[in-house]
Amino acid sequence: MNAQPAWGPVLEASRRGDLPLLKVGMSPAQIGDWFGGRQPVYLATPYSKECTDMLGQWDYLLSCALGRRAEVAAKELMAHGVSAFAPIALAVGMISASCHYRRRRSERGSFEPSLDPLDAAAWSRWCQPFLNVCGAVVVPDIPGWDHSVGIWAEVQFAIGRGIPVFVYGGGS
């Protein structure tokens, strides 16, 4: 697979049955029926491209919104008997806890984290042990999932190691 997301051929291969580990167009209820109670799942949600403003700068409020979306997705899975680890929800909390409010001359105040929210290598290293122990990867239909390099890498890792992947979107 490519380093950049190329979902089209992968989703089509799944629909044809050529990628049996990749289940596309799933709902939390279907994932619960298939995987509920067996083992924790890794909830892969978008972050880096979605938490930046039009200038490419990290945005505190966008970050918090992404953490909240991950929390909601984990809650929906829990309602169907699935224990989901949502690394973005925890990471956003850690980043928020590291923020300091700074007011600069000539501009509105801003939150500046001591943890770098856009350090992809650091966050990938932090997430990897969780990904290693989960029994499946779940990709909810949160805007940005289909062009997230992080999610793409996590899905490649899972499929390469025989770990099932459930994708909410891409079913049509």
Protein backbone atom coordinates (compact mmCIF):
# COMPACT_ATOMS: atom_id res chain seq x y z
CA MET A 1 0.00 0.00 0.00
CA ASN A 2 0.97 3.64 -0.46
CA ALA A 3 2.10 6.08 2.22
CA GLN A 4 -0.70 8.47 1.14
CA PRO A 5 -4.30 7.36 1.51
CA ALA A 6 -5.64 5.62 -1.58
CA TRP A 7 -8.94 4.25 -0.31
CA GLY A 8 -10.71 3.72 -3.65
CA PRO A 9 -8.93 0.52 -4.73
CA VAL A 10 -8.80 -0.81 -1.16
CA LEU A 11 -12.52 -0.28 -0.55
CA GLU A 12 -13.32 -1.87 -3.91
CA ALA A 13 -11.14 -4.89 -3.08
CA SER A 14 -12.98 -5.23 0.22
CA ARG A 15 -16.37 -5.07 -1.48
CA ARG A 16 -15.24 -7.82 -3.89
CA GLY A 17 -14.10 -9.95 -0.94
CA ASP A 18 -10.41 -9.73 -1.85
CA LEU A 19 -9.53 -8.15 1.52
CA PRO A 20 -11.44 -10.25 4.06
CA LEU A 21 -9.86 -8.44 7.03
CA LEU A 22 -11.34 -5.13 5.89
CA LYS A 23 -15.05 -4.75 6.65
CA VAL A 24 -16.50 -1.66 4.93
CA GLY A 25 -19.76 0.19 5.56
CA MET A 26 -20.06 -1.07 9.12
CA SER A 27 -22.10 0.48 11.92
CA PRO A 28 -21.34 0.41 15.66
CA ALA A 29 -24.12 -2.17 16.09
CA GLN A 30 -22.62 -4.44 13.42
CA ILE A 31 -19.18 -4.12 14.98
CA GLY A 32 -20.71 -5.00 18.34
CA ASP A 33 -22.30 -8.10 16.84
CA TRP A 34 -19.05 -9.14 15.21
CA PHE A 35 -16.51 -8.09 17.82
CA GLY A 36 -18.26 -6.99 21.03
CA GLY A 37 -16.69 -8.10 24.29
CA ARG A 38 -13.87 -10.03 22.66
CA GLN A 39 -10.95 -7.65 23.00
CA PRO A 40 -10.40 -3.88 23.04
CA VAL A 41 -10.44 -2.15 19.67
CA TYR A 42 -8.32 0.76 18.50
CA LEU A 43 -10.45 3.70 17.41
CA ALA A 44 -8.63 5.42 14.54
CA THR A 45 -9.93 8.97 14.15
CA PRO A 46 -8.56 11.92 12.12
CA TYR A 47 -6.55 14.67 13.74
CA SER A 48 -3.54 16.38 12.14
CA LYS A 49 -5.13 17.72 8.96
CA GLU A 50 -8.37 18.54 10.74
CA CYS A 51 -6.98 20.47 13.74
CA THR A 52 -5.33 23.22 11.74
CA ASP A 53 -6.77 26.51 10.54
CA MET A 54 -6.62 27.94 7.02
CA LEU A 55 -3.01 29.01 7.61
CA GLY A 56 -1.98 25.53 8.71
CA GLN A 57 -1.66 26.56 12.36
CA TRP A 58 -2.85 24.26 15.15
CA ASP A 59 -6.20 25.41 16.53
CA TYR A 60 -7.20 24.69 20.13
CA LEU A 61 -10.95 24.66 19.48
CA LEU A 62 -10.66 22.41 16.41
CA SER A 63 -8.47 20.07 18.45
CA CYS A 64 -11.05 19.91 21.24
CA ALA A 65 -13.83 19.22 18.72
CA LEU A 66 -11.86 16.30 17.27
CA GLY A 67 -11.32 14.87 20.74
CA ARG A 68 -15.04 15.15 21.38
CA ARG A 69 -15.86 13.33 18.12
CA ALA A 70 -13.53 10.50 19.14
CA GLU A 71 -15.23 10.35 22.56
CA VAL A 72 -18.68 10.14 20.94
CA ALA A 73 -17.51 7.35 18.61
CA ALA A 74 -16.13 5.41 21.60
CA LYS A 75 -19.42 5.92 23.47
CA GLU A 76 -21.40 4.61 20.49
CA LEU A 77 -19.26 1.47 20.39
CA MET A 78 -19.61 1.01 24.15
CA ALA A 79 -23.38 1.03 23.73
CA HIS A 80 -22.93 -2.08 21.56
CA GLY A 81 -20.59 -3.93 23.90
CA VAL A 82 -17.30 -2.84 22.31
CA SER A 83 -14.45 -1.52 24.47
CA ALA A 84 -12.69 1.06 22.32
CA PHE A 85 -9.44 2.84 23.03
CA ALA A 86 -9.62 6.31 21.44
CA PRO A 87 -6.05 7.66 21.30
CA ILE A 88 -7.14 11.03 19.89
CA ALA A 89 -9.52 11.61 22.80
CA LEU A 90 -6.73 10.97 25.29
CA ALA A 91 -4.12 12.86 23.27
CA VAL A 92 -6.36 15.93 23.02
CA GLY A 93 -6.78 15.85 26.79
CA MET A 94 -3.02 15.62 27.24
CA ILE A 95 -2.42 18.47 24.78
CA SER A 96 -5.07 20.61 26.47
CA ALA A 97 -3.50 19.93 29.86
CA SER A 98 -0.17 21.16 28.47
CA CYS A 99 -1.62 24.42 27.10
CA HIS A 100 -0.80 27.84 28.41
CA TYR A 101 -2.88 30.85 27.46
CA ARG A 102 -0.80 33.60 25.93
CA ARG A 103 -1.92 37.04 24.85
CA ARG A 104 0.23 38.71 22.23
CA ARG A 105 0.26 42.33 21.22
CA SER A 106 -1.82 43.08 18.14
CA GLU A 107 -3.65 39.74 18.14
CA ARG A 108 -6.14 37.87 20.23
CA GLY A 109 -4.95 35.47 22.86
CA SER A 110 -4.08 31.90 21.97
CA PHE A 111 -3.45 28.58 23.59
CA GLU A 112 0.08 27.30 23.18
CA PRO A 113 0.70 23.68 24.13
CA SER A 114 4.00 22.42 25.49
CA LEU A 115 3.27 19.09 23.77
CA ASP A 116 3.51 19.49 20.00
CA PRO A 117 0.10 18.41 18.68
CA LEU A 118 1.46 18.11 15.13
CA ASP A 119 4.55 15.98 15.86
CA ALA A 120 3.38 12.97 13.85
CA ALA A 121 6.41 10.84 14.71
CA ALA A 122 6.05 11.38 18.47
CA TRP A 123 2.32 10.64 18.44
CA SER A 124 2.80 7.58 16.24
CA ARG A 125 5.35 6.20 18.74
CA TRP A 126 2.94 6.92 21.59
CA CYS A 127 0.00 5.22 19.83
CA GLN A 128 1.88 2.12 18.64
CA PRO A 129 1.78 0.11 21.90
CA PHE A 130 -2.01 0.56 22.03
CA LEU A 131 -2.36 -0.49 18.41
CA ASN A 132 -0.20 -3.55 19.14
CA VAL A 133 -2.58 -4.93 21.78
CA CYS A 134 -5.97 -4.16 20.23
CA GLY A 135 -7.93 -6.91 18.55
CA ALA A 136 -9.27 -4.72 15.74
CA VAL A 137 -9.05 -1.23 14.28
CA VAL A 138 -12.27 0.76 13.90
CA VAL A 139 -12.45 3.78 11.59
CA PRO A 140 -15.62 5.80 12.26
CA ASP A 141 -17.12 8.05 9.59
CA ILE A 142 -15.70 11.28 11.05
CA PRO A 143 -14.95 13.95 8.44
CA GLY A 144 -11.33 13.59 7.36
CA TRP A 145 -11.01 9.83 7.94
CA ASP A 146 -10.52 9.15 4.26
CA HIS A 147 -7.53 11.49 3.79
CA SER A 148 -5.81 10.93 7.15
CA VAL A 149 -2.25 9.68 6.70
CA GLY A 150 -2.27 8.43 10.30
CA ILE A 151 -5.41 6.35 9.87
CA TRP A 152 -4.08 5.01 6.56
CA ALA A 153 -0.85 3.88 8.29
CA GLU A 154 -2.79 2.30 11.17
CA VAL A 155 -5.01 0.39 8.74
CA GLN A 156 -1.97 -0.82 6.77
CA PHE A 157 -0.32 -1.95 10.01
CA ALA A 158 -3.42 -3.85 11.09
CA ILE A 159 -4.01 -5.61 7.77
CA GLY A 160 -0.31 -6.47 7.52
CA ARG A 161 -0.54 -8.25 10.88
CA GLY A 162 -3.85 -10.01 10.33
CA ILE A 163 -5.87 -7.64 12.52
CA PRO A 164 -9.43 -6.95 11.31
CA VAL A 165 -10.35 -3.41 10.31
CA PHE A 166 -13.90 -2.04 10.44
CA VAL A 167 -14.63 1.10 8.42
CA TYR A 168 -17.97 2.88 8.86
CA GLY A 169 -17.70 4.89 5.63
CA GLY A 170 -16.95 3.90 2.06
CA GLY A 171 -19.76 1.39 1.88
CA SER A 172 -21.49 2.81 -1.19
